[in-house]
């Protein structure tokens, strides 16, 4: 299935992404931009931003849509990673930073304490930087979740990814209801945190199913959602079942913001979880907590 014209992205120019890429190499850091083959890497790197991938690069889950490498082995954490991450944030002079991780089901707390260490390190060296964490489901370990909410990042993101009917195919180790419960518990624990989630389209779902997922997210106190077109990383991954048109992405946005009451719906074919993430700073001014 060939890509429609609205999904054709120019290859990133080396000189545009070089500064960020060189810094990441220097500090031995990973980004989801690179590991997951994000189509927006040129735009984001050129703007001096990146979504940092901690505890990787290997993931203990093997989701068939994802390009991150699979590694189910038990392995320790690099305790210098939070310090190096904080150095990168400071050197890039980031106003807003996004931290995500691979799934680490081999760790008792799913890596929650490592998220906290990263947040604390950034707070110490870059106190004006707003922080967004994109977290896994932690296997439903709600005590681990509380350690993350207690560190009070401005945004906690957890992607619902797809519709319930397709979970066994797309997220075989995930549970739809568990992800909704996580989002709800963030709000209960820290009502001041902005809550975010994301959905991929083009994997066999219907538009009505997407609207139902959006309603579920809003009912569980999600403030911001991202909706983007799934692009298969390669022949061993799930195929694209449909290309959603730009007008339908606009329709998702209008329904979410005007009818459901989301603070923001970022919905375009190339939208990914942290696309335009630093716009949260404007939302915080418009909707302070």
Protein backbone atom coordinates (compact mmCIF):
# COMPACT_ATOMS: atom_id res chain seq x y z
CA UNK A 1 0.00 0.00 0.00
CA UNK A 2 1.71 3.19 -1.17
CA UNK A 3 1.71 6.28 1.01
CA UNK A 4 -0.65 9.11 0.07
CA UNK A 5 0.90 12.49 -0.63
CA UNK A 6 0.07 13.89 2.81
CA UNK A 7 2.37 11.32 4.44
CA UNK A 8 5.42 11.99 2.33
CA UNK A 9 8.06 13.59 4.53
CA UNK A 10 11.37 14.95 3.31
CA UNK A 11 14.38 13.04 4.60
CA UNK A 12 15.98 14.97 7.49
CA UNK A 13 19.10 16.88 6.56
CA UNK A 14 22.17 15.86 8.54
CA UNK A 15 23.12 19.45 9.27
CA UNK A 16 19.65 20.11 10.71
CA UNK A 17 19.74 17.23 13.17
CA UNK A 18 23.47 17.14 13.80
CA UNK A 19 23.60 19.25 16.97
CA UNK A 20 21.10 17.15 18.88
CA UNK A 21 22.35 13.85 17.48
CA UNK A 22 25.95 14.67 18.39
CA UNK A 23 24.98 15.62 21.92
CA UNK A 24 23.01 12.40 22.39
CA UNK A 25 25.99 10.39 21.18
CA UNK A 26 28.34 12.32 23.44
CA UNK A 27 26.19 11.65 26.50
CA UNK A 28 25.33 8.08 25.46
CA UNK A 29 21.58 8.70 25.50
CA UNK A 30 18.80 7.09 23.49
CA UNK A 31 15.78 8.77 21.95
CA UNK A 32 12.50 7.28 20.87
CA UNK A 33 12.88 9.52 17.81
CA UNK A 34 15.69 7.27 16.59
CA UNK A 35 14.79 3.90 18.15
CA UNK A 36 11.18 3.96 16.91
CA UNK A 37 11.99 5.53 13.51
CA UNK A 38 9.75 8.56 14.07
CA UNK A 39 8.87 10.43 10.85
CA UNK A 40 9.17 13.79 12.62
CA UNK A 41 12.80 13.39 13.67
CA UNK A 42 14.01 16.09 11.27
CA UNK A 43 11.50 18.68 12.45
CA UNK A 44 12.01 17.97 16.15
CA UNK A 45 15.80 17.69 16.08
CA UNK A 46 16.00 20.88 14.00
CA UNK A 47 14.00 22.62 16.71
CA UNK A 48 16.41 21.40 19.39
CA UNK A 49 13.99 18.95 20.99
CA UNK A 50 13.97 15.20 21.53
CA UNK A 51 12.02 12.58 23.44
CA UNK A 52 14.51 10.76 25.63
CA UNK A 53 14.22 6.99 25.93
CA UNK A 54 15.44 5.68 29.28
CA UNK A 55 16.19 2.17 30.56
CA UNK A 56 16.69 0.92 27.00
CA UNK A 57 17.25 0.44 24.28
CA UNK A 58 15.74 -3.09 24.52
CA UNK A 59 12.11 -3.60 25.57
CA UNK A 60 10.71 -6.59 27.50
CA UNK A 61 7.58 -6.59 25.36
CA UNK A 62 7.38 -7.36 21.67
CA UNK A 63 4.46 -5.36 20.30
CA UNK A 64 4.07 -6.08 16.58
CA UNK A 65 3.63 -2.41 15.63
CA UNK A 66 6.78 -1.15 17.34
CA UNK A 67 10.30 -0.79 15.95
CA UNK A 68 12.08 -0.83 19.32
CA UNK A 69 14.23 -3.94 19.81
CA UNK A 70 12.99 -6.79 22.01
CA UNK A 71 15.09 -7.86 25.01
CA UNK A 72 13.48 -9.94 27.76
CA UNK A 73 16.73 -10.52 29.66
CA UNK A 74 17.13 -9.35 33.23
CA UNK A 75 19.54 -6.43 33.31
CA UNK A 76 20.47 -3.68 35.69
CA UNK A 77 19.83 0.01 35.34
CA UNK A 78 22.48 2.56 34.49
CA UNK A 79 22.39 4.78 37.55
CA UNK A 80 24.34 7.52 35.74
CA UNK A 81 21.60 7.89 33.11
CA UNK A 82 19.53 10.47 35.08
CA UNK A 83 22.62 12.67 35.45
CA UNK A 84 23.48 12.45 31.75
CA UNK A 85 19.86 13.15 30.84
CA UNK A 86 19.82 16.25 33.02
CA UNK A 87 23.04 17.41 31.37
CA UNK A 88 21.43 17.05 27.94
CA UNK A 89 18.38 19.06 29.00
CA UNK A 90 20.62 21.80 30.37
CA UNK A 91 22.94 21.88 27.34
CA UNK A 92 20.00 22.00 24.92
CA UNK A 93 18.35 24.68 27.08
CA UNK A 94 15.00 22.88 26.74
CA UNK A 95 11.84 24.62 27.90
CA UNK A 96 9.98 21.31 27.90
CA UNK A 97 11.37 17.79 28.02
CA UNK A 98 9.67 14.46 27.31
CA UNK A 99 10.99 11.31 28.98
CA UNK A 100 9.72 7.90 27.96
CA UNK A 101 10.97 4.37 28.46
CA UNK A 102 10.89 0.88 27.15
CA UNK A 103 8.80 -1.58 29.12
CA UNK A 104 10.88 -3.06 31.94
CA UNK A 105 8.69 -5.88 33.21
CA UNK A 106 11.84 -7.47 34.66
CA UNK A 107 12.00 -4.78 37.36
CA UNK A 108 9.81 -4.98 40.47
CA UNK A 109 8.55 -1.40 40.04
CA UNK A 110 8.63 -1.40 36.22
CA UNK A 111 11.28 1.31 36.33
CA UNK A 112 9.20 3.87 38.26
CA UNK A 113 12.08 4.78 40.59
CA UNK A 114 14.29 5.47 37.57
CA UNK A 115 11.70 7.89 36.17
CA UNK A 116 11.74 9.66 39.54
CA UNK A 117 15.54 9.86 39.54
CA UNK A 118 15.44 11.45 36.08
CA UNK A 119 12.78 13.97 37.12
CA UNK A 120 14.73 14.93 40.24
CA UNK A 121 18.00 15.34 38.32
CA UNK A 122 16.35 17.65 35.78
CA UNK A 123 14.62 19.68 38.50
CA UNK A 124 17.98 20.29 40.15
CA UNK A 125 19.84 21.55 37.06
CA UNK A 126 16.95 23.01 35.01
CA UNK A 127 14.24 24.08 37.46
CA UNK A 128 12.32 26.12 34.86
CA UNK A 129 11.97 23.21 32.43
CA UNK A 130 8.55 21.60 32.37
CA UNK A 131 8.62 17.80 32.41
CA UNK A 132 6.42 15.26 30.65
CA UNK A 133 6.79 11.54 31.27
CA UNK A 134 5.36 8.94 28.90
CA UNK A 135 5.12 5.86 31.07
CA UNK A 136 4.33 2.15 30.55
CA UNK A 137 1.48 0.44 32.41
CA UNK A 138 3.87 -0.80 35.14
CA UNK A 139 1.97 -4.13 35.06
CA UNK A 140 -0.68 -2.49 37.21
CA UNK A 141 1.69 -1.76 40.11
CA UNK A 142 -0.17 1.22 41.53
CA UNK A 143 2.30 1.78 44.37
CA UNK A 144 4.99 2.24 41.70
CA UNK A 145 2.71 4.70 39.92
CA UNK A 146 2.34 6.72 43.13
CA UNK A 147 6.11 7.24 43.29
CA UNK A 148 5.95 8.85 39.83
CA UNK A 149 2.94 11.04 40.61
CA UNK A 150 4.58 12.10 43.89
CA UNK A 151 7.51 13.52 41.92
CA UNK A 152 4.96 15.86 40.33
CA UNK A 153 5.88 16.12 36.64
CA UNK A 154 3.72 18.63 34.82
CA UNK A 155 2.39 15.97 32.42
CA UNK A 156 1.93 12.21 32.72
CA UNK A 157 1.25 10.46 29.44
CA UNK A 158 0.25 6.85 28.96
CA UNK A 159 -0.82 5.75 25.50
CA UNK A 160 -3.97 3.69 25.11
CA UNK A 161 -2.70 3.01 21.53
CA UNK A 162 -5.72 1.29 19.98
CA UNK A 163 -9.32 0.15 20.39
CA UNK A 164 -10.30 -2.66 22.79
CA UNK A 165 -11.23 -5.07 19.97
CA UNK A 166 -7.67 -5.04 18.61
CA UNK A 167 -5.74 -5.23 21.88
CA UNK A 168 -4.89 -8.94 21.65
CA UNK A 169 -3.35 -8.35 18.23
CA UNK A 170 -1.69 -4.97 18.72
CA UNK A 171 -0.85 -4.92 22.44
CA UNK A 172 -0.86 -8.62 23.41
CA UNK A 173 0.74 -7.94 26.80
CA UNK A 174 -1.38 -4.88 27.49
CA UNK A 175 -4.88 -4.64 28.97
CA UNK A 176 -7.21 -1.85 27.83
CA UNK A 177 -8.97 -1.53 31.18
CA UNK A 178 -5.63 -1.45 33.03
CA UNK A 179 -4.43 1.46 30.94
CA UNK A 180 -7.65 3.36 31.62
CA UNK A 181 -7.28 2.62 35.33
CA UNK A 182 -3.73 4.00 35.31
CA UNK A 183 -4.91 7.29 33.81
CA UNK A 184 -7.73 7.55 36.34
CA UNK A 185 -5.39 6.86 39.24
CA UNK A 186 -3.02 9.62 38.15
CA UNK A 187 -5.88 12.10 38.47
CA UNK A 188 -6.96 10.74 41.84
CA UNK A 189 -3.41 10.85 43.17
CA UNK A 190 -2.45 14.29 41.80
CA UNK A 191 -5.34 16.30 40.30
CA UNK A 192 -2.94 19.08 39.31
CA UNK A 193 -1.04 16.94 36.81
CA UNK A 194 -2.09 17.25 33.18
CA UNK A 195 -2.98 13.79 31.85
CA UNK A 196 -2.33 12.74 28.28
CA UNK A 197 -2.83 9.69 26.07
CA UNK A 198 -2.39 8.71 22.44
CA UNK A 199 -4.06 6.61 19.75
CA UNK A 200 -2.78 5.12 16.49
CA UNK A 201 -5.16 4.76 13.56
CA UNK A 202 -4.92 2.63 10.44
CA UNK A 203 -4.67 -0.79 12.12
CA UNK A 204 -8.15 -2.08 11.37
CA UNK A 205 -10.26 0.02 13.73
CA UNK A 206 -13.31 2.01 12.65
CA UNK A 207 -13.90 5.72 13.14
CA UNK A 208 -16.76 4.99 15.53
CA UNK A 209 -14.44 2.84 17.65
CA UNK A 210 -11.93 5.69 17.82
CA UNK A 211 -14.66 8.03 19.03
CA UNK A 212 -15.60 5.49 21.71
CA UNK A 213 -11.98 5.30 22.89
CA UNK A 214 -11.82 9.09 23.02
CA UNK A 215 -14.95 9.08 25.20
CA UNK A 216 -13.38 6.47 27.50
CA UNK A 217 -10.25 8.58 27.85
CA UNK A 218 -12.22 11.72 28.69
CA UNK A 219 -14.30 9.77 31.22
CA UNK A 220 -11.03 8.81 32.91
CA UNK A 221 -9.84 12.40 33.27
CA UNK A 222 -7.50 12.62 30.29
CA UNK A 223 -6.89 16.25 29.28
CA UNK A 224 -4.84 15.91 26.09
CA UNK A 225 -4.84 13.28 23.36
CA UNK A 226 -2.72 12.69 20.30
CA UNK A 227 -4.03 10.83 17.26
CA UNK A 228 -1.76 9.82 14.38
CA UNK A 229 -1.51 7.48 11.41
CA UNK A 230 0.18 4.14 12.02
CA UNK A 231 3.11 3.60 9.67
CA UNK A 232 4.50 0.07 9.57
CA UNK A 233 8.25 0.05 10.35
CA UNK A 234 8.89 -2.95 8.12
CA UNK A 235 7.69 -6.25 6.63
CA UNK A 236 7.82 -8.12 9.95
CA UNK A 237 5.49 -5.62 11.63
CA UNK A 238 1.73 -5.20 11.40
CA UNK A 239 0.58 -3.95 8.00
CA UNK A 240 -1.27 -0.70 7.43
CA UNK A 241 -4.97 -1.46 7.00
CA UNK A 242 -6.09 2.02 5.92
CA UNK A 243 -4.88 5.58 5.48
CA UNK A 244 -7.01 8.05 7.40
CA UNK A 245 -7.54 11.31 5.53
CA UNK A 246 -6.48 14.71 6.91
CA UNK A 247 -10.14 15.76 7.02
CA UNK A 248 -10.97 12.84 9.31
CA UNK A 249 -8.10 13.80 11.62
CA UNK A 250 -9.62 17.29 11.76
CA UNK A 251 -12.96 15.68 12.59
CA UNK A 252 -11.42 13.79 15.53
CA UNK A 253 -10.01 17.09 16.79
CA UNK A 254 -13.31 18.94 16.54
CA UNK A 255 -15.24 16.17 18.28
CA UNK A 256 -12.66 15.91 21.06
CA UNK A 257 -12.29 19.60 21.81
CA UNK A 258 -15.76 20.93 21.05
CA UNK A 259 -18.00 18.06 22.14
CA UNK A 260 -15.99 16.05 24.67
CA UNK A 261 -14.11 18.83 26.44
CA UNK A 262 -10.48 17.81 25.98
CA UNK A 263 -8.11 20.72 26.59
CA UNK A 264 -6.22 19.77 23.44
CA UNK A 265 -6.48 17.19 20.66
CA UNK A 266 -3.41 17.00 18.44
CA UNK A 267 -4.68 15.04 15.46
CA UNK A 268 -2.82 14.92 12.15
CA UNK A 269 -1.48 12.09 9.99
CA UNK A 270 2.08 12.57 11.29
CA UNK A 271 1.21 13.19 14.93
CA UNK A 272 3.15 11.10 17.44
CA UNK A 273 2.94 11.04 21.26
CA UNK A 274 5.28 13.96 21.89
CA UNK A 275 4.66 15.91 18.68
CA UNK A 276 4.43 19.62 19.60
CA UNK A 277 4.58 18.53 23.24
CA UNK A 278 5.94 21.83 24.51
CA UNK A 279 2.60 23.47 23.64
CA UNK A 280 1.65 22.30 27.13
CA UNK A 281 3.32 25.45 28.42
CA UNK A 282 0.66 27.53 26.66
CA UNK A 283 -2.10 25.28 27.97
CA UNK A 284 -0.78 25.69 31.50
CA UNK A 285 -1.21 29.45 31.14
CA UNK A 286 -4.71 29.10 29.70
CA UNK A 287 -5.84 26.40 32.15
CA UNK A 288 -3.73 26.81 35.32
CA UNK A 289 -3.95 24.26 38.12
